C-alpha atoms as a PDB file:
ATOM      1  CA  MET A   1       0.806  80.384 -63.686  1.00  0.00           C
ATOM      2  CA  ALA A   2      -2.489  82.255 -62.976  1.00  0.00           C
ATOM      3  CA  VAL A   3      -4.851  80.879 -59.656  1.00  0.00           C
ATOM      4  CA  ALA A   4      -7.762  80.198 -62.710  1.00  0.00           C
ATOM      5  CA  MET A   5      -5.633  77.766 -64.937  1.00  0.00           C
ATOM      6  CA  MET A   6      -4.031  75.882 -61.951  1.00  0.00           C
ATOM      7  CA  LEU A   7      -7.300  75.761 -61.030  1.00  0.00           C
ATOM      8  CA  ASN A   8      -8.587  74.462 -64.335  1.00  0.00           C
ATOM      9  CA  ASN A   9      -5.989  71.948 -63.817  1.00  0.00           C
ATOM     10  CA  ALA A  10      -6.646  70.367 -61.249  1.00  0.00           C
ATOM     11  CA  LEU A  11     -10.010  70.284 -61.295  1.00  0.00           C
ATOM     12  CA  SER A  12     -10.197  68.758 -64.697  1.00  0.00           C
ATOM     13  CA  LEU A  13      -6.914  67.133 -64.777  1.00  0.00           C
ATOM     14  CA  GLY A  14      -5.451  68.715 -67.606  1.00  0.00           C
ATOM     15  CA  GLN A  15      -9.057  68.050 -69.900  1.00  0.00           C
ATOM     16  CA  HIS A  16     -10.037  71.480 -70.105  1.00  0.00           C
ATOM     17  CA  ARG A  17      -7.340  72.380 -72.757  1.00  0.00           C
ATOM     18  CA  GLU A  18      -9.222  69.210 -75.093  1.00  0.00           C
ATOM     19  CA  TRP A  19     -12.563  70.775 -74.328  1.00  0.00           C
ATOM     20  CA  LYS A  20     -11.585  74.245 -75.093  1.00  0.00           C
ATOM     21  CA  GLN A  21     -10.284  72.930 -78.452  1.00  0.00           C
ATOM     22  CA  THR A  22     -13.583  71.016 -79.236  1.00  0.00           C
ATOM     23  CA  THR A  23     -15.683  73.915 -78.172  1.00  0.00           C
ATOM     24  CA  VAL A  24     -13.593  76.227 -80.994  1.00  0.00           C
ATOM     25  CA  GLU A  25     -14.357  73.432 -83.270  1.00  0.00           C
ATOM     26  CA  TRP A  26     -18.031  72.805 -82.710  1.00  0.00           C
ATOM     27  CA  SER A  27     -18.613  76.150 -82.982  1.00  0.00           C
ATOM     28  CA  GLY A  28     -18.024  75.796 -86.704  1.00  0.00           C
ATOM     29  CA  ALA A  29     -15.935  79.380 -87.061  1.00  0.00           C
ATOM     30  CA  GLN A  30     -13.941  79.706 -90.607  1.00  0.00           C
ATOM     31  CA  ALA A  31     -11.884  82.146 -91.817  1.00  0.00           C
ATOM     32  CA  GLY A  32     -13.284  85.260 -92.367  1.00  0.00           C
ATOM     33  CA  ASP A  33     -16.060  84.874 -89.890  1.00  0.00           C
ATOM     34  CA  ARG A  34     -16.964  86.876 -86.735  1.00  0.00           C
ATOM     35  CA  ALA A  35     -17.299  85.738 -83.137  1.00  0.00           C
ATOM     36  CA  LEU A  36     -18.484  86.780 -79.797  1.00  0.00           C
ATOM     37  CA  ASP A  37     -16.966  85.017 -76.382  1.00  0.00           C
ATOM     38  CA  VAL A  38     -19.115  85.958 -73.733  1.00  0.00           C
ATOM     39  CA  CYS A  39     -17.664  85.547 -70.686  1.00  0.00           C
ATOM     40  CA  CYS A  40     -14.339  85.459 -71.937  1.00  0.00           C
ATOM     41  CA  GLY A  41     -12.592  84.630 -68.879  1.00  0.00           C
ATOM     42  CA  SER A  42      -8.742  84.837 -69.544  1.00  0.00           C
ATOM     43  CA  GLY A  43      -9.564  84.401 -73.107  1.00  0.00           C
ATOM     44  CA  ASP A  44      -8.625  80.230 -73.729  1.00  0.00           C
ATOM     45  CA  LEU A  45     -11.758  80.278 -76.066  1.00  0.00           C
ATOM     46  CA  THR A  46     -11.130  83.635 -77.449  1.00  0.00           C
ATOM     47  CA  PHE A  47      -7.906  83.076 -78.879  1.00  0.00           C
ATOM     48  CA  GLY A  48      -8.272  79.609 -80.152  1.00  0.00           C
ATOM     49  CA  LEU A  49     -11.413  81.169 -82.330  1.00  0.00           C
ATOM     50  CA  ALA A  50      -9.356  83.925 -83.343  1.00  0.00           C
ATOM     51  CA  GLU A  51      -6.631  81.034 -84.807  1.00  0.00           C
ATOM     52  CA  ALA A  52     -10.118  79.505 -86.418  1.00  0.00           C
ATOM     53  CA  VAL A  53     -11.363  83.188 -87.940  1.00  0.00           C
ATOM     54  CA  GLY A  54      -7.776  84.062 -89.133  1.00  0.00           C
ATOM     55  CA  PRO A  55      -6.165  87.449 -89.959  1.00  0.00           C
ATOM     56  CA  THR A  56      -9.764  87.977 -92.027  1.00  0.00           C
ATOM     57  CA  GLY A  57     -12.224  87.313 -89.220  1.00  0.00           C
ATOM     58  CA  GLU A  58     -12.896  89.337 -85.801  1.00  0.00           C
ATOM     59  CA  VAL A  59     -13.464  88.111 -82.654  1.00  0.00           C
ATOM     60  CA  VAL A  60     -14.104  89.899 -79.184  1.00  0.00           C
ATOM     61  CA  GLY A  61     -13.764  88.508 -75.624  1.00  0.00           C
ATOM     62  CA  LEU A  62     -16.265  90.287 -73.432  1.00  0.00           C
ATOM     63  CA  ASP A  63     -16.182  89.817 -69.378  1.00  0.00           C
ATOM     64  CA  PHE A  64     -18.135  91.424 -66.847  1.00  0.00           C
ATOM     65  CA  ALA A  65     -14.808  91.109 -64.778  1.00  0.00           C
ATOM     66  CA  ALA A  66     -12.161  93.807 -65.601  1.00  0.00           C
ATOM     67  CA  GLU A  67      -9.791  91.481 -63.729  1.00  0.00           C
ATOM     68  CA  MET A  68     -10.374  88.914 -66.287  1.00  0.00           C
ATOM     69  CA  LEU A  69     -10.114  90.931 -69.059  1.00  0.00           C
ATOM     70  CA  GLU A  70      -6.939  92.408 -67.933  1.00  0.00           C
ATOM     71  CA  GLU A  71      -5.529  88.749 -67.997  1.00  0.00           C
ATOM     72  CA  ALA A  72      -6.899  87.973 -71.441  1.00  0.00           C
ATOM     73  CA  ALA A  73      -4.548  90.914 -72.498  1.00  0.00           C
ATOM     74  CA  ASN A  74      -1.841  90.461 -70.571  1.00  0.00           C
ATOM     75  CA  GLU A  75      -1.883  87.041 -72.350  1.00  0.00           C
ATOM     76  CA  GLN A  76      -2.438  88.711 -75.627  1.00  0.00           C
ATOM     77  CA  ARG A  77       0.775  90.838 -75.321  1.00  0.00           C
ATOM     78  CA  ARG A  78       2.448  87.409 -73.968  1.00  0.00           C
ATOM     79  CA  ARG A  79       1.336  85.466 -77.498  1.00  0.00           C
ATOM     80  CA  GLU A  80       2.457  88.651 -79.690  1.00  0.00           C
ATOM     81  CA  GLY A  81       6.032  88.469 -78.029  1.00  0.00           C
ATOM     82  CA  ARG A  82       5.217  91.877 -75.999  1.00  0.00           C
ATOM     83  CA  VAL A  83       6.119  89.996 -72.477  1.00  0.00           C
ATOM     84  CA  GLY A  84       7.713  87.201 -71.417  1.00  0.00           C
ATOM     85  CA  PRO A  85       6.122  84.004 -70.366  1.00  0.00           C
ATOM     86  CA  ARG A  86       4.561  83.285 -67.293  1.00  0.00           C
END
């Protein structure tokens, strides 16, 4: 498990998952929409938005930290079944 995820779990007592889902819901993203996740980190919100906009939509995750973008890319590959679980 990535350090950032462990820290999120510890600091929020696991609530961060609910907060992220609520954020996606409040965004109002719908099928076919386009979205930008600025400072996407490991991509949790980016992936939630991608589910909301579906295959006809588009979501871009942007982060100034190359390491975080790599973490998001690894998660995307894991979700696509190209790598094993962490």
